[in-house]
Amino acid sequence: MSARCTTCAAAAIPPQTTTYKNPDPLLAVPEAADYLGVGIRMVRRLRTARELPAVKVGGLLRFRVSDLEAYLTAARQNGGQP
C-alpha cells in the first residue's frame, strides 16, 4: 500500500512544477569573460572602471547578458573603444 495524500488526490491538485526561463540570464565573472572573449582580469578592470555594469548576488558579481551585448555594441560603434 502506498502512502498517498488522499486530500490532494481527491481535490485533483496538480503537482507543483515551477520553471523559470530568464530571457536575460546573469553570468559569473568567468562566464562573462568567455562571452566577451577576454580574460577574467579584464572583466574585473572594466567593472572597476564602471564601463561594465554588474549586480551582486549573494556578495558575488554577476553580469547581465544584455549589458555585455550593450558593451560590445558600443565598442564596435566606437572603433574598439566603448
PDB file of N, CA and C in Angstrom:
ATOM      1  N   MET A   1       0.842  -1.168   0.000  1.00  0.00           N
ATOM      2  CA  MET A   1       0.000   0.000   0.000  1.00  0.00           C
ATOM      3  C   MET A   1       0.895   1.241   0.000  1.00  0.00           C
ATOM      4  N   SER A   2       0.598   2.183  -0.856  1.00  0.00           N
ATOM      5  CA  SER A   2       1.407   3.395  -0.941  1.00  0.00           C
ATOM      6  C   SER A   2       0.835   4.483  -0.039  1.00  0.00           C
ATOM      7  N   ALA A   3       1.716   5.369   0.391  1.00  0.00           N
ATOM      8  CA  ALA A   3       1.302   6.476   1.257  1.00  0.00           C
ATOM      9  C   ALA A   3       0.993   7.676   0.388  1.00  0.00           C
ATOM     10  N   ARG A   4      -0.254   7.767  -0.054  1.00  0.00           N
ATOM     11  CA  ARG A   4      -0.662   8.881  -0.905  1.00  0.00           C
ATOM     12  C   ARG A   4      -1.515   9.833  -0.106  1.00  0.00           C
ATOM     13  N   CYS A   5      -1.446  11.061  -0.446  1.00  0.00           N
ATOM     14  CA  CYS A   5      -2.265  12.085   0.195  1.00  0.00           C
ATOM     15  C   CYS A   5      -3.664  12.012  -0.409  1.00  0.00           C
ATOM     16  N   THR A   6      -4.602  11.547   0.365  1.00  0.00           N
ATOM     17  CA  THR A   6      -5.951  11.399  -0.154  1.00  0.00           C
ATOM     18  C   THR A   6      -6.625  12.742  -0.359  1.00  0.00           C
ATOM     19  N   THR A   7      -6.242  13.744   0.431  1.00  0.00           N
ATOM     20  CA  THR A   7      -6.822  15.072   0.263  1.00  0.00           C
ATOM     21  C   THR A   7      -6.439  15.657  -1.091  1.00  0.00           C
ATOM     22  N   CYS A   8      -5.161  15.545  -1.432  1.00  0.00           N
ATOM     23  CA  CYS A   8      -4.684  16.090  -2.711  1.00  0.00           C
ATOM     24  C   CYS A   8      -5.268  15.313  -3.883  1.00  0.00           C
ATOM     25  N   ALA A   9      -5.341  13.992  -3.734  1.00  0.00           N
ATOM     26  CA  ALA A   9      -5.861  13.177  -4.820  1.00  0.00           C
ATOM     27  C   ALA A   9      -7.347  13.447  -5.025  1.00  0.00           C
ATOM     28  N   ALA A  10      -8.066  13.645  -3.915  1.00  0.00           N
ATOM     29  CA  ALA A  10      -9.499  13.907  -4.020  1.00  0.00           C
ATOM     30  C   ALA A  10      -9.767  15.269  -4.636  1.00  0.00           C
ATOM     31  N   ALA A  11      -8.914  16.255  -4.334  1.00  0.00           N
ATOM     32  CA  ALA A  11      -9.117  17.604  -4.848  1.00  0.00           C
ATOM     33  C   ALA A  11      -8.536  17.771  -6.246  1.00  0.00           C
ATOM     34  N   ALA A  12      -7.812  16.779  -6.715  1.00  0.00           N
ATOM     35  CA  ALA A  12      -7.179  16.807  -8.043  1.00  0.00           C
ATOM     36  C   ALA A  12      -6.264  18.011  -8.205  1.00  0.00           C
ATOM     37  N   ILE A  13      -5.427  18.240  -7.191  1.00  0.00           N
ATOM     38  CA  ILE A  13      -4.464  19.337  -7.240  1.00  0.00           C
ATOM     39  C   ILE A  13      -3.256  18.857  -8.037  1.00  0.00           C
ATOM     40  N   PRO A  14      -2.899  19.565  -9.092  1.00  0.00           N
ATOM     41  CA  PRO A  14      -1.740  19.143  -9.881  1.00  0.00           C
ATOM     42  C   PRO A  14      -0.456  19.342  -9.084  1.00  0.00           C
ATOM     43  N   PRO A  15       0.550  18.535  -9.337  1.00  0.00           N
ATOM     44  CA  PRO A  15       1.820  18.722  -8.645  1.00  0.00           C
ATOM     45  C   PRO A  15       2.443  20.056  -9.035  1.00  0.00           C
ATOM     46  N   GLN A  16       3.161  20.647  -8.102  1.00  0.00           N
ATOM     47  CA  GLN A  16       3.777  21.954  -8.361  1.00  0.00           C
ATOM     48  C   GLN A  16       5.048  21.776  -9.176  1.00  0.00           C
ATOM     49  N   THR A  17       5.072  22.434 -10.279  1.00  0.00           N
ATOM     50  CA  THR A  17       6.271  22.482 -11.101  1.00  0.00           C
ATOM     51  C   THR A  17       6.498  23.937 -11.475  1.00  0.00           C
ATOM     52  N   THR A  18       7.641  24.435 -11.091  1.00  0.00           N
ATOM     53  CA  THR A  18       7.969  25.819 -11.377  1.00  0.00           C
ATOM     54  C   THR A  18       9.147  25.849 -12.339  1.00  0.00           C
ATOM     55  N   THR A  19       8.957  26.470 -13.447  1.00  0.00           N
ATOM     56  CA  THR A  19      10.013  26.620 -14.433  1.00  0.00           C
ATOM     57  C   THR A  19      10.227  28.102 -14.680  1.00  0.00           C
ATOM     58  N   TYR A  20      11.435  28.566 -14.413  1.00  0.00           N
ATOM     59  CA  TYR A  20      11.784  29.962 -14.659  1.00  0.00           C
ATOM     60  C   TYR A  20      12.669  30.021 -15.888  1.00  0.00           C
ATOM     61  N   LYS A  21      12.229  30.790 -16.842  1.00  0.00           N
ATOM     62  CA  LYS A  21      13.037  30.990 -18.040  1.00  0.00           C
ATOM     63  C   LYS A  21      13.399  32.460 -18.096  1.00  0.00           C
ATOM     64  N   ASN A  22      14.623  32.743 -17.738  1.00  0.00           N
ATOM     65  CA  ASN A  22      15.095  34.113 -17.689  1.00  0.00           C
ATOM     66  C   ASN A  22      15.592  34.516 -19.074  1.00  0.00           C
ATOM     67  N   PRO A  23      14.951  35.494 -19.697  1.00  0.00           N
ATOM     68  CA  PRO A  23      15.406  35.922 -21.021  1.00  0.00           C
ATOM     69  C   PRO A  23      16.727  36.683 -20.970  1.00  0.00           C
ATOM     70  N   ASP A  24      17.117  37.128 -19.789  1.00  0.00           N
ATOM     71  CA  ASP A  24      18.366  37.876 -19.625  1.00  0.00           C
ATOM     72  C   ASP A  24      19.134  37.285 -18.447  1.00  0.00           C
ATOM     73  N   PRO A  25      19.799  36.153 -18.666  1.00  0.00           N
ATOM     74  CA  PRO A  25      20.457  35.468 -17.553  1.00  0.00           C
ATOM     75  C   PRO A  25      21.638  36.251 -16.999  1.00  0.00           C
ATOM     76  N   LEU A  26      22.004  35.916 -15.776  1.00  0.00           N
ATOM     77  CA  LEU A  26      23.161  36.510 -15.125  1.00  0.00           C
ATOM     78  C   LEU A  26      24.347  35.562 -15.265  1.00  0.00           C
ATOM     79  N   LEU A  27      25.490  36.121 -15.616  1.00  0.00           N
ATOM     80  CA  LEU A  27      26.704  35.326 -15.782  1.00  0.00           C
ATOM     81  C   LEU A  27      27.713  35.685 -14.704  1.00  0.00           C
ATOM     82  N   ALA A  28      28.458  34.698 -14.246  1.00  0.00           N
ATOM     83  CA  ALA A  28      29.552  34.924 -13.306  1.00  0.00           C
ATOM     84  C   ALA A  28      30.730  35.538 -14.066  1.00  0.00           C
ATOM     85  N   VAL A  29      31.728  35.977 -13.325  1.00  0.00           N
ATOM     86  CA  VAL A  29      32.884  36.644 -13.945  1.00  0.00           C
ATOM     87  C   VAL A  29      33.550  35.767 -15.007  1.00  0.00           C
ATOM     88  N   PRO A  30      33.856  34.492 -14.728  1.00  0.00           N
ATOM     89  CA  PRO A  30      34.493  33.678 -15.786  1.00  0.00           C
ATOM     90  C   PRO A  30      33.606  33.489 -17.013  1.00  0.00           C
ATOM     91  N   GLU A  31      32.301  33.347 -16.787  1.00  0.00           N
ATOM     92  CA  GLU A  31      31.376  33.199 -17.915  1.00  0.00           C
ATOM     93  C   GLU A  31      31.300  34.482 -18.728  1.00  0.00           C
ATOM     94  N   ALA A  32      31.302  35.635 -18.048  1.00  0.00           N
ATOM     95  CA  ALA A  32      31.281  36.922 -18.745  1.00  0.00           C
ATOM     96  C   ALA A  32      32.560  37.104 -19.559  1.00  0.00           C
ATOM     97  N   ALA A  33      33.683  36.682 -19.004  1.00  0.00           N
ATOM     98  CA  ALA A  33      34.958  36.781 -19.717  1.00  0.00           C
ATOM     99  C   ALA A  33      34.920  35.938 -20.986  1.00  0.00           C
ATOM    100  N   ASP A  34      34.403  34.720 -20.881  1.00  0.00           N
ATOM    101  CA  ASP A  34      34.274  33.856 -22.062  1.00  0.00           C
ATOM    102  C   ASP A  34      33.342  34.489 -23.090  1.00  0.00           C
ATOM    103  N   TYR A  35      32.238  35.054 -22.629  1.00  0.00           N
ATOM    104  CA  TYR A  35      31.262  35.674 -23.522  1.00  0.00           C
ATOM    105  C   TYR A  35      31.884  36.827 -24.302  1.00  0.00           C
ATOM    106  N   LEU A  36      32.701  37.645 -23.607  1.00  0.00           N
ATOM    107  CA  LEU A  36      33.338  38.791 -24.254  1.00  0.00           C
ATOM    108  C   LEU A  36      34.612  38.425 -25.002  1.00  0.00           C
ATOM    109  N   GLY A  37      35.162  37.254 -24.711  1.00  0.00           N
ATOM    110  CA  GLY A  37      36.406  36.844 -25.358  1.00  0.00           C
ATOM    111  C   GLY A  37      37.621  37.527 -24.764  1.00  0.00           C
ATOM    112  N   VAL A  38      37.555  37.838 -23.473  1.00  0.00           N
ATOM    113  CA  VAL A  38      38.671  38.467 -22.769  1.00  0.00           C
ATOM    114  C   VAL A  38      38.972  37.654 -21.514  1.00  0.00           C
ATOM    115  N   GLY A  39      40.000  38.058 -20.793  1.00  0.00           N
ATOM    116  CA  GLY A  39      40.350  37.377 -19.557  1.00  0.00           C
ATOM    117  C   GLY A  39      39.530  37.867 -18.372  1.00  0.00           C
ATOM    118  N   ILE A  40      39.610  37.105 -17.303  1.00  0.00           N
ATOM    119  CA  ILE A  40      38.894  37.455 -16.085  1.00  0.00           C
ATOM    120  C   ILE A  40      39.365  38.798 -15.536  1.00  0.00           C
ATOM    121  N   ARG A  41      40.664  39.042 -15.587  1.00  0.00           N
ATOM    122  CA  ARG A  41      41.203  40.317 -15.081  1.00  0.00           C
ATOM    123  C   ARG A  41      40.642  41.503 -15.854  1.00  0.00           C
ATOM    124  N   MET A  42      40.445  41.347 -17.162  1.00  0.00           N
ATOM    125  CA  MET A  42      39.891  42.431 -17.970  1.00  0.00           C
ATOM    126  C   MET A  42      38.453  42.731 -17.567  1.00  0.00           C
ATOM    127  N   VAL A  43      37.669  41.702 -17.293  1.00  0.00           N
ATOM    128  CA  VAL A  43      36.287  41.905 -16.849  1.00  0.00           C
ATOM    129  C   VAL A  43      36.287  42.675 -15.529  1.00  0.00           C
ATOM    130  N   ARG A  44      37.175  42.295 -14.618  1.00  0.00           N
ATOM    131  CA  ARG A  44      37.253  42.998 -13.330  1.00  0.00           C
ATOM    132  C   ARG A  44      37.697  44.456 -13.518  1.00  0.00           C
ATOM    133  N   ARG A  45      38.619  44.691 -14.442  1.00  0.00           N
ATOM    134  CA  ARG A  45      39.052  46.071 -14.723  1.00  0.00           C
ATOM    135  C   ARG A  45      37.905  46.906 -15.288  1.00  0.00           C
ATOM    136  N   LEU A  46      37.164  46.326 -16.221  1.00  0.00           N
ATOM    137  CA  LEU A  46      36.026  47.042 -16.799  1.00  0.00           C
ATOM    138  C   LEU A  46      34.988  47.353 -15.737  1.00  0.00           C
ATOM    139  N   ARG A  47      34.780  46.447 -14.817  1.00  0.00           N
ATOM    140  CA  ARG A  47      33.833  46.676 -13.722  1.00  0.00           C
ATOM    141  C   ARG A  47      34.336  47.774 -12.801  1.00  0.00           C
ATOM    142  N   THR A  48      35.608  47.748 -12.454  1.00  0.00           N
ATOM    143  CA  THR A  48      36.191  48.767 -11.583  1.00  0.00           C
ATOM    144  C   THR A  48      36.131  50.141 -12.229  1.00  0.00           C
ATOM    145  N   ALA A  49      36.339  50.198 -13.551  1.00  0.00           N
ATOM    146  CA  ALA A  49      36.284  51.462 -14.284  1.00  0.00           C
ATOM    147  C   ALA A  49      34.843  51.887 -14.571  1.00  0.00           C
ATOM    148  N   ARG A  50      33.882  51.097 -14.128  1.00  0.00           N
ATOM    149  CA  ARG A  50      32.453  51.356 -14.320  1.00  0.00           C
ATOM    150  C   ARG A  50      32.054  51.400 -15.796  1.00  0.00           C
ATOM    151  N   GLU A  51      32.785  50.663 -16.609  1.00  0.00           N
ATOM    152  CA  GLU A  51      32.441  50.555 -18.025  1.00  0.00           C
ATOM    153  C   GLU A  51      31.498  49.379 -18.269  1.00  0.00           C
ATOM    154  N   LEU A  52      31.419  48.480 -17.293  1.00  0.00           N
ATOM    155  CA  LEU A  52      30.600  47.289 -17.415  1.00  0.00           C
ATOM    156  C   LEU A  52      29.744  47.163 -16.159  1.00  0.00           C
ATOM    157  N   PRO A  53      28.425  47.377 -16.286  1.00  0.00           N
ATOM    158  CA  PRO A  53      27.569  47.279 -15.108  1.00  0.00           C
ATOM    159  C   PRO A  53      27.450  45.839 -14.616  1.00  0.00           C
ATOM    160  N   ALA A  54      27.302  45.705 -13.310  1.00  0.00           N
ATOM    161  CA  ALA A  54      27.158  44.381 -12.706  1.00  0.00           C
ATOM    162  C   ALA A  54      26.213  44.475 -11.520  1.00  0.00           C
ATOM    163  N   VAL A  55      25.735  43.332 -11.102  1.00  0.00           N
ATOM    164  CA  VAL A  55      24.910  43.247  -9.901  1.00  0.00           C
ATOM    165  C   VAL A  55      25.578  42.253  -8.964  1.00  0.00           C
ATOM    166  N   LYS A  56      25.321  42.434  -7.682  1.00  0.00           N
ATOM    167  CA  LYS A  56      25.844  41.495  -6.703  1.00  0.00           C
ATOM    168  C   LYS A  56      24.713  40.592  -6.239  1.00  0.00           C
ATOM    169  N   VAL A  57      24.962  39.304  -6.293  1.00  0.00           N
ATOM    170  CA  VAL A  57      24.006  38.307  -5.838  1.00  0.00           C
ATOM    171  C   VAL A  57      24.737  37.464  -4.795  1.00  0.00           C
ATOM    172  N   GLY A  58      24.304  37.574  -3.569  1.00  0.00           N
ATOM    173  CA  GLY A  58      24.974  36.837  -2.504  1.00  0.00           C
ATOM    174  C   GLY A  58      26.417  37.251  -2.323  1.00  0.00           C
ATOM    175  N   GLY A  59      26.726  38.504  -2.611  1.00  0.00           N
ATOM    176  CA  GLY A  59      28.089  39.009  -2.473  1.00  0.00           C
ATOM    177  C   GLY A  59      28.979  38.719  -3.676  1.00  0.00           C
ATOM    178  N   LEU A  60      28.457  38.057  -4.693  1.00  0.00           N
ATOM    179  CA  LEU A  60      29.240  37.722  -5.881  1.00  0.00           C
ATOM    180  C   LEU A  60      28.776  38.548  -7.070  1.00  0.00           C
ATOM    181  N   LEU A  61      29.726  38.966  -7.894  1.00  0.00           N
ATOM    182  CA  LEU A  61      29.399  39.751  -9.081  1.00  0.00           C
ATOM    183  C   LEU A  61      28.737  38.891 -10.142  1.00  0.00           C
ATOM    184  N   ARG A  62      27.717  39.446 -10.749  1.00  0.00           N
ATOM    185  CA  ARG A  62      27.041  38.809 -11.873  1.00  0.00           C
ATOM    186  C   ARG A  62      26.795  39.860 -12.940  1.00  0.00           C
ATOM    187  N   PHE A  63      26.868  39.445 -14.189  1.00  0.00           N
ATOM    188  CA  PHE A  63      26.703  40.354 -15.316  1.00  0.00           C
ATOM    189  C   PHE A  63      25.524  39.905 -16.163  1.00  0.00           C
ATOM    190  N   ARG A  64      24.658  40.845 -16.529  1.00  0.00           N
ATOM    191  CA  ARG A  64      23.534  40.537 -17.415  1.00  0.00           C
ATOM    192  C   ARG A  64      24.046  40.422 -18.848  1.00  0.00           C
ATOM    193  N   VAL A  65      23.524  39.457 -19.566  1.00  0.00           N
ATOM    194  CA  VAL A  65      23.923  39.258 -20.961  1.00  0.00           C
ATOM    195  C   VAL A  65      23.599  40.512 -21.771  1.00  0.00           C
ATOM    196  N   SER A  66      22.476  41.163 -21.480  1.00  0.00           N
ATOM    197  CA  SER A  66      22.112  42.376 -22.217  1.00  0.00           C
ATOM    198  C   SER A  66      23.139  43.490 -21.998  1.00  0.00           C
ATOM    199  N   ASP A  67      23.707  43.579 -20.791  1.00  0.00           N
ATOM    200  CA  ASP A  67      24.746  44.582 -20.531  1.00  0.00           C
ATOM    201  C   ASP A  67      26.031  44.254 -21.289  1.00  0.00           C
ATOM    202  N   LEU A  68      26.346  42.971 -21.380  1.00  0.00           N
ATOM    203  CA  LEU A  68      27.537  42.572 -22.141  1.00  0.00           C
ATOM    204  C   LEU A  68      27.355  42.866 -23.625  1.00  0.00           C
ATOM    205  N   GLU A  69      26.139  42.616 -24.136  1.00  0.00           N
ATOM    206  CA  GLU A  69      25.839  42.928 -25.538  1.00  0.00           C
ATOM    207  C   GLU A  69      25.926  44.429 -25.792  1.00  0.00           C
ATOM    208  N   ALA A  70      25.408  45.231 -24.854  1.00  0.00           N
ATOM    209  CA  ALA A  70      25.470  46.691 -25.000  1.00  0.00           C
ATOM    210  C   ALA A  70      26.917  47.165 -25.011  1.00  0.00           C
ATOM    211  N   TYR A  71      27.753  46.565 -24.180  1.00  0.00           N
ATOM    212  CA  TYR A  71      29.173  46.921 -24.161  1.00  0.00           C
ATOM    213  C   TYR A  71      29.827  46.590 -25.504  1.00  0.00           C
ATOM    214  N   LEU A  72      29.541  45.399 -26.032  1.00  0.00           N
ATOM    215  CA  LEU A  72      30.115  45.012 -27.321  1.00  0.00           C
ATOM    216  C   LEU A  72      29.627  45.912 -28.453  1.00  0.00           C
ATOM    217  N   THR A  73      28.356  46.279 -28.429  1.00  0.00           N
ATOM    218  CA  THR A  73      27.808  47.164 -29.451  1.00  0.00           C
ATOM    219  C   THR A  73      28.476  48.532 -29.403  1.00  0.00           C
ATOM    220  N   ALA A  74      28.643  49.064 -28.195  1.00  0.00           N
ATOM    221  CA  ALA A  74      29.303  50.362 -28.035  1.00  0.00           C
ATOM    222  C   ALA A  74      30.748  50.300 -28.497  1.00  0.00           C
ATOM    223  N   ALA A  75      31.434  49.180 -28.214  1.00  0.00           N
ATOM    224  CA  ALA A  75      32.825  49.028 -28.615  1.00  0.00           C
ATOM    225  C   ALA A  75      32.945  48.970 -30.147  1.00  0.00           C
ATOM    226  N   ARG A  76      31.989  48.295 -30.797  1.00  0.00           N
ATOM    227  CA  ARG A  76      32.016  48.209 -32.256  1.00  0.00           C
ATOM    228  C   ARG A  76      31.769  49.565 -32.904  1.00  0.00           C
ATOM    229  N   GLN A  77      30.845  50.327 -32.355  1.00  0.00           N
ATOM    230  CA  GLN A  77      30.490  51.611 -32.928  1.00  0.00           C
ATOM    231  C   GLN A  77      31.574  52.663 -32.730  1.00  0.00           C
ATOM    232  N   ASN A  78      32.383  52.479 -31.696  1.00  0.00           N
ATOM    233  CA  ASN A  78      33.436  53.451 -31.405  1.00  0.00           C
ATOM    234  C   ASN A  78      34.805  52.959 -31.828  1.00  0.00           C
ATOM    235  N   GLY A  79      34.865  52.045 -32.732  1.00  0.00           N
ATOM    236  CA  GLY A  79      36.149  51.566 -33.240  1.00  0.00           C
ATOM    237  C   GLY A  79      36.953  50.792 -32.213  1.00  0.00           C
ATOM    238  N   GLY A  80      36.293  50.023 -31.376  1.00  0.00           N
ATOM    239  CA  GLY A  80      37.005  49.219 -30.385  1.00  0.00           C
ATOM    240  C   GLY A  80      37.042  49.844 -29.009  1.00  0.00           C
ATOM    241  N   GLN A  81      36.664  51.105 -28.896  1.00  0.00           N
ATOM    242  CA  GLN A  81      36.644  51.784 -27.593  1.00  0.00           C
ATOM    243  C   GLN A  81      35.204  51.977 -27.159  1.00  0.00           C
ATOM    244  N   PRO A  82      34.797  51.395 -26.018  1.00  0.00           N
ATOM    245  CA  PRO A  82      33.392  51.549 -25.567  1.00  0.00           C
ATOM    246  C   PRO A  82      33.063  52.951 -25.121  1.00  0.00           C
TER     247      PRO A  82
END
